[in-house]
Structures are given as C-alpha cells and as structure tokens.
Amino acid sequence: MYIALTTDNPILKSRNREKVISEIKKITSNFQEYLRSLKLSGMFNCTQKKGEKGSPLAVLKIFDKVYQEKTLEASLFDLTQKGHLHEWGDTFNAPNNYWKNPSNVEKAIYHSLTEENPELASSDRKEVIDAIKKMSGRLQDHLHSIGLYGLMISAFKKGEQDSPLAVLKIFNKVYQEKTQEASLFDKTQKIYLKTVKKNRIEISE
C-alpha cells in the first residue's frame, strides 16, 4: 500500500514533513475514489479494527507506520509536532466507533479548540473565559469550522447532539484536569460560564 501510494504520488516519499501532510490532506478529500483509481479499494475496506471498515484513518495509520520506519520521523499524527494530521480527520470523518472512546473525544475537543484559540490553553481563568466569550456569539458555527461537526453529531447522546454546551463541558473537564482550577461553570467564582436554555452559554461577571 505504501509503495502504491508513493509510486503514484512521489511527494509522499518526501522527507519534508509539511509537504507529506499537505499532500495527504489533498488526497483524503476524496480518499475512497483515489484508492479505487489505484486499485486499492480492497485495502480501504480491510482495516485492522472492528468498526473501522472503509475508514481513511485505518489506511493512513498503515501508511504512517511505514513512513516512520523509513524516515525515522515522529508520527504524522503526533500532535506535539508543528505539522500534524488529526486522527479525527482534516478532510475526512473519523469512523463512528472512534467517538465511543471518551479519551478520543476529550483529545479532539481540547486540541481543536486550543490549536485555533491559543488563549484557551492558558491557566489563567479570566483569559480562558474571555476567549470563550469572543466565540460565544456564533459558537456552533465556530466549532463546525474547526472540524468538530462529526464529533458533535456522533459523540453525544440524543438531546446533546450538535450542542456547543456539550462540547464546552468536555473542554471544561480537560481544563480542570490540566490546571487543577475550579470548573468554568462554578457559580461561586467571580466569573463563570452560565448556561442559557439547553445549548447556549453566556458569561456571568
């Protein structure tokens, strides 16, 4: 599979990590059709884990394993690297069973939000809440735009699907674990996130 992909697209053999990632993002926008053109559609459907049938993620993980062996580079999915791919997808959607693992949900939400809005990674409570306040007007649209739509539909139970509030509750959980601070929804604090109806939030100061 690695040989077929790199033969058809030599850029994927590059030792320039950014070029490889950029090229993968281009081909995964229509990955199944691309693999079919290379007569690799069987590989697309023969994945290693139950529930990942037909998943671009499973195929890319196979490619990534060989890429690491050949280049001695960090995984293309290593989020600590400046350039990286997201397991939950950049131009593809993660398989539904990916969202059954709570740690995957937490990782995707915290990373996506803090990557797009670095202030959210702060340990300063006011700075974090101010950053959320800036997003709150069109929060649902913002979450969709940073690649969380699939998660918001697949990771939450009925009644919480596509809910910005559900996303912020997960973000808050990780925020507390990382900072050991009080919940962003804690009403005993000077400023806190206040829920309005079911899917909306506002800032109480």
N, C-alpha and C. Protein backbone atom coordinates (compact mmCIF):
# COMPACT_ATOMS: atom_id res chain seq x y z
N MET A 1 0.83 -1.20 0.00
CA MET A 1 0.00 0.00 0.00
C MET A 1 0.88 1.26 0.00
N TYR A 2 1.92 1.28 0.85
CA TYR A 2 2.84 2.43 0.89
C TYR A 2 3.50 2.62 -0.47
N ILE A 3 3.94 1.50 -1.06
CA ILE A 3 4.62 1.57 -2.37
C ILE A 3 3.67 2.11 -3.44
N ALA A 4 2.42 1.62 -3.43
CA ALA A 4 1.45 2.06 -4.43
C ALA A 4 1.18 3.56 -4.29
N LEU A 5 1.01 4.03 -3.08
CA LEU A 5 0.72 5.45 -2.87
C LEU A 5 1.90 6.34 -3.25
N THR A 6 3.09 5.92 -2.85
CA THR A 6 4.26 6.77 -3.13
C THR A 6 4.70 6.69 -4.59
N THR A 7 4.40 5.56 -5.23
CA THR A 7 4.72 5.45 -6.66
C THR A 7 3.82 6.38 -7.46
N ASP A 8 2.54 6.41 -7.10
CA ASP A 8 1.60 7.29 -7.80
C ASP A 8 1.84 8.75 -7.44
N ASN A 9 2.27 8.98 -6.19
CA ASN A 9 2.44 10.35 -5.71
C ASN A 9 3.79 10.47 -4.99
N PRO A 10 4.86 10.71 -5.72
CA PRO A 10 6.22 10.74 -5.14
C PRO A 10 6.39 11.74 -4.00
N ILE A 11 5.54 12.76 -3.94
CA ILE A 11 5.66 13.74 -2.85
C ILE A 11 5.52 13.04 -1.50
N LEU A 12 4.75 11.95 -1.46
CA LEU A 12 4.53 11.24 -0.21
C LEU A 12 5.80 10.55 0.31
N LYS A 13 6.84 10.46 -0.54
CA LYS A 13 8.12 9.89 -0.10
C LYS A 13 9.04 10.96 0.46
N SER A 14 8.62 12.21 0.36
CA SER A 14 9.47 13.32 0.78
C SER A 14 9.83 13.25 2.26
N ARG A 15 11.00 13.75 2.59
CA ARG A 15 11.39 13.87 4.00
C ARG A 15 10.96 15.21 4.57
N ASN A 16 10.30 15.99 3.72
CA ASN A 16 9.72 17.25 4.17
C ASN A 16 8.33 16.96 4.73
N ARG A 17 8.24 16.96 6.04
CA ARG A 17 7.00 16.58 6.73
C ARG A 17 5.80 17.41 6.27
N GLU A 18 6.01 18.70 6.13
CA GLU A 18 4.91 19.59 5.75
C GLU A 18 4.36 19.23 4.37
N LYS A 19 5.25 18.88 3.44
CA LYS A 19 4.81 18.51 2.10
C LYS A 19 3.98 17.24 2.13
N VAL A 20 4.42 16.26 2.91
CA VAL A 20 3.69 14.99 3.01
C VAL A 20 2.29 15.22 3.58
N ILE A 21 2.22 16.00 4.65
CA ILE A 21 0.93 16.28 5.28
C ILE A 21 0.01 17.03 4.34
N SER A 22 0.54 18.02 3.66
CA SER A 22 -0.26 18.80 2.72
C SER A 22 -0.82 17.91 1.62
N GLU A 23 -0.01 16.99 1.13
CA GLU A 23 -0.45 16.11 0.04
C GLU A 23 -1.51 15.13 0.53
N ILE A 24 -1.34 14.61 1.74
CA ILE A 24 -2.33 13.70 2.31
C ILE A 24 -3.68 14.40 2.45
N LYS A 25 -3.66 15.64 2.89
CA LYS A 25 -4.91 16.40 3.04
C LYS A 25 -5.62 16.56 1.70
N LYS A 26 -4.83 16.70 0.64
CA LYS A 26 -5.44 16.84 -0.70
C LYS A 26 -6.12 15.55 -1.12
N ILE A 27 -5.44 14.42 -0.94
CA ILE A 27 -6.00 13.17 -1.44
C ILE A 27 -7.11 12.62 -0.55
N THR A 28 -7.10 12.95 0.75
CA THR A 28 -8.15 12.42 1.62
C THR A 28 -9.48 13.15 1.45
N SER A 29 -9.51 14.22 0.67
CA SER A 29 -10.78 14.90 0.42
C SER A 29 -11.71 14.00 -0.40
N ASN A 30 -11.15 13.02 -1.11
CA ASN A 30 -11.95 12.02 -1.82
C ASN A 30 -11.14 10.73 -1.83
N PHE A 31 -10.86 10.23 -0.64
CA PHE A 31 -9.91 9.16 -0.45
C PHE A 31 -10.35 7.84 -1.09
N GLN A 32 -11.62 7.50 -0.93
CA GLN A 32 -12.10 6.23 -1.46
C GLN A 32 -11.97 6.19 -2.98
N GLU A 33 -12.31 7.29 -3.64
CA GLU A 33 -12.20 7.35 -5.09
C GLU A 33 -10.72 7.28 -5.51
N TYR A 34 -9.87 7.92 -4.75
CA TYR A 34 -8.43 7.91 -5.06
C TYR A 34 -7.88 6.49 -4.97
N LEU A 35 -8.23 5.77 -3.90
CA LEU A 35 -7.74 4.40 -3.74
C LEU A 35 -8.31 3.49 -4.82
N ARG A 36 -9.55 3.74 -5.20
CA ARG A 36 -10.16 2.94 -6.26
C ARG A 36 -9.39 3.13 -7.57
N SER A 37 -8.93 4.35 -7.84
CA SER A 37 -8.18 4.61 -9.07
C SER A 37 -6.84 3.88 -9.07
N LEU A 38 -6.34 3.57 -7.86
CA LEU A 38 -5.08 2.83 -7.74
C LEU A 38 -5.30 1.34 -7.56
N LYS A 39 -6.59 0.94 -7.65
CA LYS A 39 -6.98 -0.45 -7.44
C LYS A 39 -6.64 -0.92 -6.02
N LEU A 40 -6.82 -0.01 -5.07
CA LEU A 40 -6.57 -0.31 -3.66
C LEU A 40 -7.84 -0.23 -2.82
N SER A 41 -9.00 -0.27 -3.45
CA SER A 41 -10.24 -0.13 -2.69
C SER A 41 -10.43 -1.29 -1.72
N GLY A 42 -9.83 -2.47 -2.05
CA GLY A 42 -9.90 -3.61 -1.13
C GLY A 42 -9.20 -3.29 0.17
N MET A 43 -8.05 -2.61 0.08
CA MET A 43 -7.32 -2.18 1.27
C MET A 43 -8.16 -1.21 2.10
N PHE A 44 -8.91 -0.37 1.40
CA PHE A 44 -9.75 0.61 2.09
C PHE A 44 -10.78 -0.08 2.97
N ASN A 45 -11.26 -1.25 2.54
CA ASN A 45 -12.30 -1.95 3.28
C ASN A 45 -11.76 -3.02 4.22
N CYS A 46 -10.46 -3.31 4.14
CA CYS A 46 -9.87 -4.33 5.02
C CYS A 46 -9.05 -3.63 6.09
N THR A 47 -9.70 -3.11 7.10
CA THR A 47 -8.99 -2.40 8.16
C THR A 47 -8.74 -3.32 9.34
N GLN A 48 -7.91 -2.86 10.27
CA GLN A 48 -7.46 -3.73 11.34
C GLN A 48 -8.41 -3.81 12.53
N LYS A 49 -9.20 -2.79 12.74
CA LYS A 49 -10.03 -2.76 13.93
C LYS A 49 -11.52 -2.85 13.57
N LYS A 50 -12.25 -3.58 14.38
CA LYS A 50 -13.68 -3.68 14.18
C LYS A 50 -14.31 -2.28 14.28
N GLY A 51 -15.20 -1.98 13.34
CA GLY A 51 -15.88 -0.69 13.35
C GLY A 51 -15.19 0.36 12.52
N GLU A 52 -14.02 0.01 11.92
CA GLU A 52 -13.31 0.97 11.10
C GLU A 52 -13.36 0.63 9.61
N LYS A 53 -14.28 -0.27 9.23
CA LYS A 53 -14.36 -0.68 7.83
C LYS A 53 -14.58 0.54 6.93
N GLY A 54 -13.76 0.63 5.91
CA GLY A 54 -13.89 1.76 4.99
C GLY A 54 -13.37 3.06 5.53
N SER A 55 -12.54 3.00 6.58
CA SER A 55 -12.07 4.23 7.23
C SER A 55 -10.75 4.71 6.66
N PRO A 56 -10.68 5.97 6.20
CA PRO A 56 -9.40 6.54 5.78
C PRO A 56 -8.38 6.50 6.92
N LEU A 57 -8.85 6.64 8.16
CA LEU A 57 -7.95 6.66 9.30
C LEU A 57 -7.13 5.37 9.39
N ALA A 58 -7.80 4.23 9.22
CA ALA A 58 -7.09 2.95 9.32
C ALA A 58 -6.03 2.82 8.24
N VAL A 59 -6.35 3.24 7.01
CA VAL A 59 -5.39 3.17 5.92
C VAL A 59 -4.21 4.12 6.17
N LEU A 60 -4.52 5.33 6.64
CA LEU A 60 -3.47 6.30 6.90
C LEU A 60 -2.55 5.87 8.03
N LYS A 61 -3.09 5.14 9.00
CA LYS A 61 -2.25 4.64 10.09
C LYS A 61 -1.25 3.61 9.58
N ILE A 62 -1.67 2.80 8.60
CA ILE A 62 -0.75 1.85 7.99
C ILE A 62 0.36 2.61 7.25
N PHE A 63 -0.04 3.62 6.48
CA PHE A 63 0.93 4.45 5.77
C PHE A 63 1.88 5.12 6.76
N ASP A 64 1.33 5.65 7.84
CA ASP A 64 2.11 6.38 8.85
C ASP A 64 3.15 5.47 9.50
N LYS A 65 2.79 4.22 9.74
CA LYS A 65 3.72 3.27 10.35
C LYS A 65 4.95 3.09 9.46
N VAL A 66 4.73 2.90 8.15
CA VAL A 66 5.84 2.72 7.23
C VAL A 66 6.63 4.03 7.08
N TYR A 67 5.90 5.15 7.03
CA TYR A 67 6.53 6.47 6.94
C TYR A 67 7.52 6.67 8.09
N GLN A 68 7.12 6.31 9.31
CA GLN A 68 8.00 6.46 10.47
C GLN A 68 9.24 5.57 10.35
N GLU A 69 9.04 4.34 9.88
CA GLU A 69 10.15 3.40 9.74
C GLU A 69 11.16 3.89 8.70
N LYS A 70 10.68 4.46 7.62
CA LYS A 70 11.55 4.87 6.52
C LYS A 70 12.23 6.22 6.78
N THR A 71 11.57 7.11 7.49
CA THR A 71 12.11 8.46 7.68
C THR A 71 12.68 8.70 9.08
N LEU A 72 12.34 7.82 10.04
CA LEU A 72 12.71 7.98 11.44
C LEU A 72 12.14 9.28 12.02
N GLU A 73 11.06 9.75 11.40
CA GLU A 73 10.35 10.94 11.88
C GLU A 73 9.27 10.53 12.87
N ALA A 74 8.78 11.51 13.62
CA ALA A 74 7.64 11.28 14.51
C ALA A 74 6.40 10.96 13.68
N SER A 75 5.44 10.32 14.31
CA SER A 75 4.19 10.01 13.63
C SER A 75 3.56 11.26 13.01
N LEU A 76 2.94 11.08 11.86
CA LEU A 76 2.23 12.19 11.23
C LEU A 76 1.05 12.64 12.07
N PHE A 77 0.64 11.80 13.03
CA PHE A 77 -0.48 12.12 13.91
C PHE A 77 -0.01 12.66 15.27
N ASP A 78 1.29 12.90 15.41
CA ASP A 78 1.84 13.39 16.68
C ASP A 78 1.47 14.87 16.86
N LEU A 79 0.56 15.13 17.78
CA LEU A 79 0.03 16.48 17.97
C LEU A 79 1.05 17.45 18.57
N THR A 80 2.17 16.93 19.06
CA THR A 80 3.18 17.83 19.61
C THR A 80 4.06 18.42 18.51
N GLN A 81 3.97 17.88 17.32
CA GLN A 81 4.74 18.39 16.19
C GLN A 81 4.04 19.60 15.59
N LYS A 82 4.82 20.52 15.06
CA LYS A 82 4.23 21.73 14.47
C LYS A 82 3.28 21.37 13.33
N GLY A 83 3.72 20.46 12.47
CA GLY A 83 2.86 19.97 11.40
C GLY A 83 2.35 18.59 11.76
N HIS A 84 1.06 18.36 11.69
CA HIS A 84 0.50 17.06 12.06
C HIS A 84 -0.87 16.86 11.42
N LEU A 85 -1.28 15.60 11.37
CA LEU A 85 -2.63 15.24 10.95
C LEU A 85 -3.47 14.97 12.20
N HIS A 86 -4.78 15.12 12.07
CA HIS A 86 -5.69 14.80 13.16
C HIS A 86 -6.34 13.44 12.93
N GLU A 87 -6.32 12.60 13.93
CA GLU A 87 -6.94 11.28 13.80
C GLU A 87 -8.43 11.39 13.47
N TRP A 88 -9.06 12.44 13.97
CA TRP A 88 -10.49 12.61 13.75
C TRP A 88 -10.79 13.23 12.39
N GLY A 89 -9.73 13.54 11.64
CA GLY A 89 -9.91 13.99 10.27
C GLY A 89 -9.61 15.45 10.04
N ASP A 90 -9.02 15.73 8.90
CA ASP A 90 -8.82 17.09 8.42
C ASP A 90 -9.72 17.30 7.21
N THR A 91 -9.64 16.35 6.28
CA THR A 91 -10.54 16.38 5.12
C THR A 91 -11.33 15.07 5.02
N PHE A 92 -11.40 14.32 6.15
CA PHE A 92 -12.21 13.11 6.20
C PHE A 92 -12.84 13.01 7.59
N ASN A 93 -13.86 12.19 7.72
CA ASN A 93 -14.51 12.00 9.01
C ASN A 93 -14.01 10.72 9.67
N ALA A 94 -13.75 10.77 10.96
CA ALA A 94 -13.34 9.58 11.70
C ALA A 94 -14.49 8.58 11.71
N PRO A 95 -14.19 7.27 11.80
CA PRO A 95 -15.26 6.27 11.90
C PRO A 95 -16.05 6.49 13.19
N ASN A 96 -17.33 6.11 13.16
CA ASN A 96 -18.20 6.36 14.32
C ASN A 96 -17.65 5.75 15.61
N ASN A 97 -17.01 4.56 15.51
CA ASN A 97 -16.54 3.92 16.74
C ASN A 97 -15.38 4.68 17.37
N TYR A 98 -14.73 5.57 16.61
CA TYR A 98 -13.65 6.39 17.17
C TYR A 98 -14.18 7.24 18.31
N TRP A 99 -15.42 7.70 18.17
CA TRP A 99 -16.01 8.60 19.16
C TRP A 99 -16.59 7.85 20.36
N LYS A 100 -16.53 6.52 20.35
CA LYS A 100 -17.01 5.76 21.50
C LYS A 100 -15.99 5.76 22.63
N ASN A 101 -14.77 6.16 22.31
CA ASN A 101 -13.71 6.24 23.31
C ASN A 101 -13.68 7.65 23.88
N PRO A 102 -14.05 7.85 25.16
CA PRO A 102 -14.09 9.20 25.75
C PRO A 102 -12.78 9.96 25.63
N SER A 103 -11.65 9.26 25.70
CA SER A 103 -10.36 9.96 25.62
C SER A 103 -10.16 10.56 24.22
N ASN A 104 -10.69 9.91 23.19
CA ASN A 104 -10.60 10.46 21.83
C ASN A 104 -11.43 11.74 21.73
N VAL A 105 -12.60 11.74 22.35
CA VAL A 105 -13.47 12.91 22.34
C VAL A 105 -12.80 14.07 23.06
N GLU A 106 -12.23 13.78 24.23
CA GLU A 106 -11.57 14.83 25.01
C GLU A 106 -10.37 15.39 24.25
N LYS A 107 -9.57 14.50 23.65
CA LYS A 107 -8.38 14.94 22.92
C LYS A 107 -8.77 15.83 21.74
N ALA A 108 -9.77 15.41 20.98
CA ALA A 108 -10.18 16.17 19.79
C ALA A 108 -10.71 17.54 20.16
N ILE A 109 -11.54 17.61 21.20
CA ILE A 109 -12.13 18.89 21.60
C ILE A 109 -11.07 19.84 22.13
N TYR A 110 -10.27 19.37 23.08
CA TYR A 110 -9.28 20.27 23.70
C TYR A 110 -8.25 20.72 22.67
N HIS A 111 -7.75 19.79 21.88
CA HIS A 111 -6.73 20.15 20.90
C HIS A 111 -7.28 21.10 19.84
N SER A 112 -8.45 20.79 19.31
CA SER A 112 -9.02 21.63 18.24
C SER A 112 -9.28 23.05 18.73
N LEU A 113 -9.81 23.17 19.92
CA LEU A 113 -10.12 24.49 20.46
C LEU A 113 -8.86 25.29 20.77
N THR A 114 -7.89 24.64 21.39
CA THR A 114 -6.68 25.38 21.78
C THR A 114 -5.75 25.62 20.59
N GLU A 115 -5.80 24.77 19.59
CA GLU A 115 -4.99 24.99 18.40
C GLU A 115 -5.49 26.23 17.65
N GLU A 116 -6.80 26.37 17.59
CA GLU A 116 -7.40 27.51 16.88
C GLU A 116 -7.40 28.77 17.74
N ASN A 117 -7.50 28.59 19.06
CA ASN A 117 -7.58 29.71 20.00
C ASN A 117 -6.59 29.47 21.14
N PRO A 118 -5.30 29.81 20.96
CA PRO A 118 -4.26 29.51 21.95
C PRO A 118 -4.56 30.03 23.36
N GLU A 119 -5.37 31.08 23.46
CA GLU A 119 -5.70 31.62 24.79
C GLU A 119 -6.42 30.58 25.65
N LEU A 120 -7.10 29.65 25.00
CA LEU A 120 -7.85 28.63 25.75
C LEU A 120 -6.92 27.65 26.47
N ALA A 121 -5.65 27.62 26.10
CA ALA A 121 -4.69 26.73 26.77
C ALA A 121 -4.10 27.38 28.02
N SER A 122 -4.49 28.63 28.28
CA SER A 122 -3.95 29.36 29.43
C SER A 122 -4.44 28.76 30.75
N SER A 123 -3.64 28.93 31.80
CA SER A 123 -4.06 28.52 33.14
C SER A 123 -4.76 29.67 33.86
N ASP A 124 -4.82 30.82 33.19
CA ASP A 124 -5.50 32.00 33.73
C ASP A 124 -6.99 31.91 33.42
N ARG A 125 -7.80 31.72 34.44
CA ARG A 125 -9.24 31.52 34.27
C ARG A 125 -9.89 32.64 33.47
N LYS A 126 -9.56 33.87 33.79
CA LYS A 126 -10.18 35.01 33.10
C LYS A 126 -9.83 35.00 31.62
N GLU A 127 -8.58 34.68 31.31
CA GLU A 127 -8.16 34.66 29.91
C GLU A 127 -8.93 33.60 29.13
N VAL A 128 -9.13 32.45 29.75
CA VAL A 128 -9.87 31.36 29.10
C VAL A 128 -11.32 31.77 28.87
N ILE A 129 -11.95 32.32 29.89
CA ILE A 129 -13.35 32.71 29.77
C ILE A 129 -13.52 33.86 28.78
N ASP A 130 -12.59 34.78 28.77
CA ASP A 130 -12.64 35.87 27.78
C ASP A 130 -12.56 35.32 26.37
N ALA A 131 -11.72 34.30 26.17
CA ALA A 131 -11.59 33.69 24.84
C ALA A 131 -12.90 33.00 24.44
N ILE A 132 -13.55 32.36 25.39
CA ILE A 132 -14.83 31.71 25.11
C ILE A 132 -15.89 32.77 24.80
N LYS A 133 -15.81 33.87 25.53
CA LYS A 133 -16.77 34.96 25.32
C LYS A 133 -16.69 35.49 23.88
N LYS A 134 -15.46 35.58 23.34
CA LYS A 134 -15.30 36.06 21.97
C LYS A 134 -15.95 35.13 20.97
N MET A 135 -16.00 33.84 21.30
CA MET A 135 -16.57 32.85 20.38
C MET A 135 -18.07 32.66 20.56
N SER A 136 -18.60 33.08 21.69
CA SER A 136 -19.94 32.66 22.10
C SER A 136 -21.07 33.12 21.18
N GLY A 137 -20.86 34.21 20.44
CA GLY A 137 -21.93 34.70 19.56
C GLY A 137 -22.32 33.71 18.48
N ARG A 138 -21.33 33.08 17.86
CA ARG A 138 -21.57 32.09 16.81
C ARG A 138 -20.78 30.82 17.13
N LEU A 139 -20.94 30.34 18.35
CA LEU A 139 -20.12 29.23 18.83
C LEU A 139 -20.33 27.96 18.01
N GLN A 140 -21.56 27.63 17.70
CA GLN A 140 -21.82 26.41 16.95
C GLN A 140 -21.13 26.45 15.58
N ASP A 141 -21.26 27.58 14.88
CA ASP A 141 -20.61 27.73 13.58
C ASP A 141 -19.09 27.62 13.71
N HIS A 142 -18.56 28.20 14.79
CA HIS A 142 -17.12 28.16 15.00
C HIS A 142 -16.65 26.73 15.22
N LEU A 143 -17.36 25.96 16.02
CA LEU A 143 -16.99 24.58 16.30
C LEU A 143 -17.04 23.73 15.03
N HIS A 144 -18.03 24.00 14.19
CA HIS A 144 -18.11 23.29 12.90
C HIS A 144 -16.91 23.64 12.04
N SER A 145 -16.53 24.91 12.03
CA SER A 145 -15.47 25.38 11.13
C SER A 145 -14.09 24.83 11.50
N ILE A 146 -13.89 24.41 12.75
CA ILE A 146 -12.59 23.87 13.15
C ILE A 146 -12.58 22.35 13.13
N GLY A 147 -13.59 21.76 12.48
CA GLY A 147 -13.58 20.32 12.24
C GLY A 147 -14.26 19.46 13.27
N LEU A 148 -15.11 20.03 14.11
CA LEU A 148 -15.75 19.26 15.18
C LEU A 148 -17.19 18.83 14.86
N TYR A 149 -17.65 19.10 13.64
CA TYR A 149 -19.04 18.75 13.31
C TYR A 149 -19.30 17.25 13.46
N GLY A 150 -18.39 16.43 12.91
CA GLY A 150 -18.57 14.98 13.01
C GLY A 150 -18.63 14.51 14.45
N LEU A 151 -17.76 15.06 15.28
CA LEU A 151 -17.76 14.72 16.70
C LEU A 151 -19.09 15.13 17.35
N MET A 152 -19.56 16.32 17.05
CA MET A 152 -20.77 16.84 17.69
C MET A 152 -22.01 16.04 17.32
N ILE A 153 -21.97 15.39 16.16
CA ILE A 153 -23.09 14.55 15.73
C ILE A 153 -22.96 13.13 16.27
N SER A 154 -21.72 12.63 16.34
CA SER A 154 -21.52 11.21 16.65
C SER A 154 -21.15 10.90 18.10
N ALA A 155 -20.59 11.87 18.82
CA ALA A 155 -20.03 11.56 20.14
C ALA A 155 -21.01 11.73 21.29
N PHE A 156 -22.10 12.46 21.07
CA PHE A 156 -23.00 12.78 22.17
C PHE A 156 -24.34 12.04 22.05
N LYS A 157 -24.97 11.83 23.19
CA LYS A 157 -26.25 11.14 23.20
C LYS A 157 -27.35 12.06 22.65
N LYS A 158 -28.47 11.45 22.35
CA LYS A 158 -29.60 12.20 21.81
C LYS A 158 -29.99 13.31 22.78
N GLY A 159 -30.22 14.49 22.24
CA GLY A 159 -30.54 15.65 23.06
C GLY A 159 -29.34 16.56 23.25
N GLU A 160 -28.14 15.98 23.06
CA GLU A 160 -26.91 16.78 23.17
C GLU A 160 -26.16 16.85 21.84
N GLN A 161 -26.69 16.19 20.83
CA GLN A 161 -26.03 16.20 19.53
C GLN A 161 -25.97 17.62 18.96
N ASP A 162 -24.83 17.96 18.40
CA ASP A 162 -24.58 19.28 17.80
C ASP A 162 -24.74 20.41 18.82
N SER A 163 -24.47 20.10 20.08
CA SER A 163 -24.62 21.08 21.15
C SER A 163 -23.28 21.72 21.53
N PRO A 164 -23.14 23.03 21.37
CA PRO A 164 -21.93 23.72 21.82
C PRO A 164 -21.71 23.55 23.32
N LEU A 165 -22.79 23.51 24.08
CA LEU A 165 -22.67 23.35 25.52
C LEU A 165 -22.03 22.01 25.87
N ALA A 166 -22.42 20.95 25.17
CA ALA A 166 -21.84 19.64 25.42
C ALA A 166 -20.33 19.67 25.14
N VAL A 167 -19.93 20.37 24.10
CA VAL A 167 -18.50 20.50 23.77
C VAL A 167 -17.77 21.25 24.88
N LEU A 168 -18.35 22.35 25.35
CA LEU A 168 -17.69 23.14 26.39
C LEU A 168 -17.60 22.38 27.71
N LYS A 169 -18.55 21.51 27.98
CA LYS A 169 -18.48 20.71 29.21
C LYS A 169 -17.29 19.74 29.15
N ILE A 170 -17.04 19.17 27.97
CA ILE A 170 -15.88 18.30 27.82
C ILE A 170 -14.59 19.12 27.92
N PHE A 171 -14.58 20.28 27.26
CA PHE A 171 -13.41 21.17 27.34
C PHE A 171 -13.13 21.52 28.79
N ASN A 172 -14.17 21.85 29.53
CA ASN A 172 -14.05 22.22 30.94
C ASN A 172 -13.44 21.08 31.77
N LYS A 173 -13.84 19.84 31.47
CA LYS A 173 -13.30 18.67 32.18
C LYS A 173 -11.79 18.59 31.99
N VAL A 174 -11.34 18.74 30.74
CA VAL A 174 -9.91 18.66 30.47
C VAL A 174 -9.19 19.87 31.07
N TYR A 175 -9.80 21.04 30.97
CA TYR A 175 -9.24 22.26 31.55
C TYR A 175 -8.98 22.06 33.05
N GLN A 176 -9.94 21.50 33.77
CA GLN A 176 -9.78 21.27 35.22
C GLN A 176 -8.65 20.29 35.50
N GLU A 177 -8.57 19.22 34.68
CA GLU A 177 -7.53 18.22 34.88
C GLU A 177 -6.14 18.82 34.66
N LYS A 178 -6.01 19.69 33.67
CA LYS A 178 -4.71 20.27 33.34
C LYS A 178 -4.30 21.39 34.29
N THR A 179 -5.26 22.16 34.80
CA THR A 179 -4.93 23.34 35.61
C THR A 179 -5.19 23.14 37.10
N GLN A 180 -5.98 22.13 37.45
CA GLN A 180 -6.41 21.92 38.84
C GLN A 180 -7.20 23.12 39.37
N GLU A 181 -7.82 23.86 38.44
CA GLU A 181 -8.64 25.02 38.81
C GLU A 181 -10.10 24.60 38.97
N ALA A 182 -10.90 25.51 39.55
CA ALA A 182 -12.33 25.26 39.68
C ALA A 182 -12.98 25.21 38.30
N SER A 183 -14.12 24.56 38.24
CA SER A 183 -14.86 24.45 36.98
C SER A 183 -15.16 25.83 36.41
N LEU A 184 -15.14 25.94 35.09
CA LEU A 184 -15.51 27.19 34.43
C LEU A 184 -16.99 27.50 34.63
N PHE A 185 -17.74 26.51 35.07
CA PHE A 185 -19.18 26.68 35.33
C PHE A 185 -19.47 26.87 36.82
N ASP A 186 -18.44 27.00 37.64
CA ASP A 186 -18.59 27.12 39.09
C ASP A 186 -19.13 28.51 39.46
N LYS A 187 -20.36 28.54 39.97
CA LYS A 187 -21.03 29.81 40.27
C LYS A 187 -20.46 30.52 41.49
N THR A 188 -19.60 29.86 42.24
CA THR A 188 -19.00 30.53 43.40
C THR A 188 -17.81 31.39 42.99
N GLN A 189 -17.37 31.26 41.74
CA GLN A 189 -16.24 32.03 41.24
C GLN A 189 -16.71 33.41 40.77
N LYS A 190 -15.76 34.35 40.72
CA LYS A 190 -16.11 35.72 40.33
C LYS A 190 -16.69 35.77 38.92
N ILE A 191 -16.08 35.05 38.00
CA ILE A 191 -16.66 34.94 36.66
C ILE A 191 -16.81 33.46 36.32
N TYR A 192 -17.86 33.14 35.62
CA TYR A 192 -18.11 31.74 35.27
C TYR A 192 -19.00 31.67 34.04
N LEU A 193 -19.03 30.48 33.44
CA LEU A 193 -19.90 30.26 32.30
C LEU A 193 -21.29 29.92 32.80
N LYS A 194 -22.27 30.57 32.24
CA LYS A 194 -23.65 30.39 32.66
C LYS A 194 -24.44 29.77 31.52
N THR A 195 -25.14 28.68 31.82
CA THR A 195 -25.94 28.03 30.78
C THR A 195 -27.25 28.76 30.59
N VAL A 196 -27.63 28.92 29.33
CA VAL A 196 -28.90 29.56 28.99
C VAL A 196 -29.65 28.60 28.07
N LYS A 197 -30.81 28.17 28.52
CA LYS A 197 -31.56 27.13 27.81
C LYS A 197 -30.70 25.88 27.73
N LYS A 198 -30.84 25.12 26.61
CA LYS A 198 -30.17 23.83 26.54
C LYS A 198 -28.80 23.88 25.88
N ASN A 199 -28.67 24.64 24.84
CA ASN A 199 -27.46 24.60 24.04
C ASN A 199 -26.68 25.89 23.98
N ARG A 200 -27.03 26.85 24.83
CA ARG A 200 -26.36 28.14 24.78
C ARG A 200 -25.66 28.46 26.09
N ILE A 201 -24.66 29.31 26.02
CA ILE A 201 -23.98 29.76 27.24
C ILE A 201 -23.79 31.25 27.16
N GLU A 202 -23.62 31.87 28.33
CA GLU A 202 -23.24 33.28 28.39
C GLU A 202 -22.29 33.42 29.57
N ILE A 203 -21.66 34.58 29.67
CA ILE A 203 -20.67 34.81 30.72
C ILE A 203 -21.30 35.63 31.85
N SER A 204 -21.15 35.14 33.08
CA SER A 204 -21.64 35.90 34.23
C SER A 204 -20.44 36.54 34.88
N GLU A 205 -20.51 37.87 35.05
CA GLU A 205 -19.37 38.59 35.65
C GLU A 205 -19.87 39.48 36.79
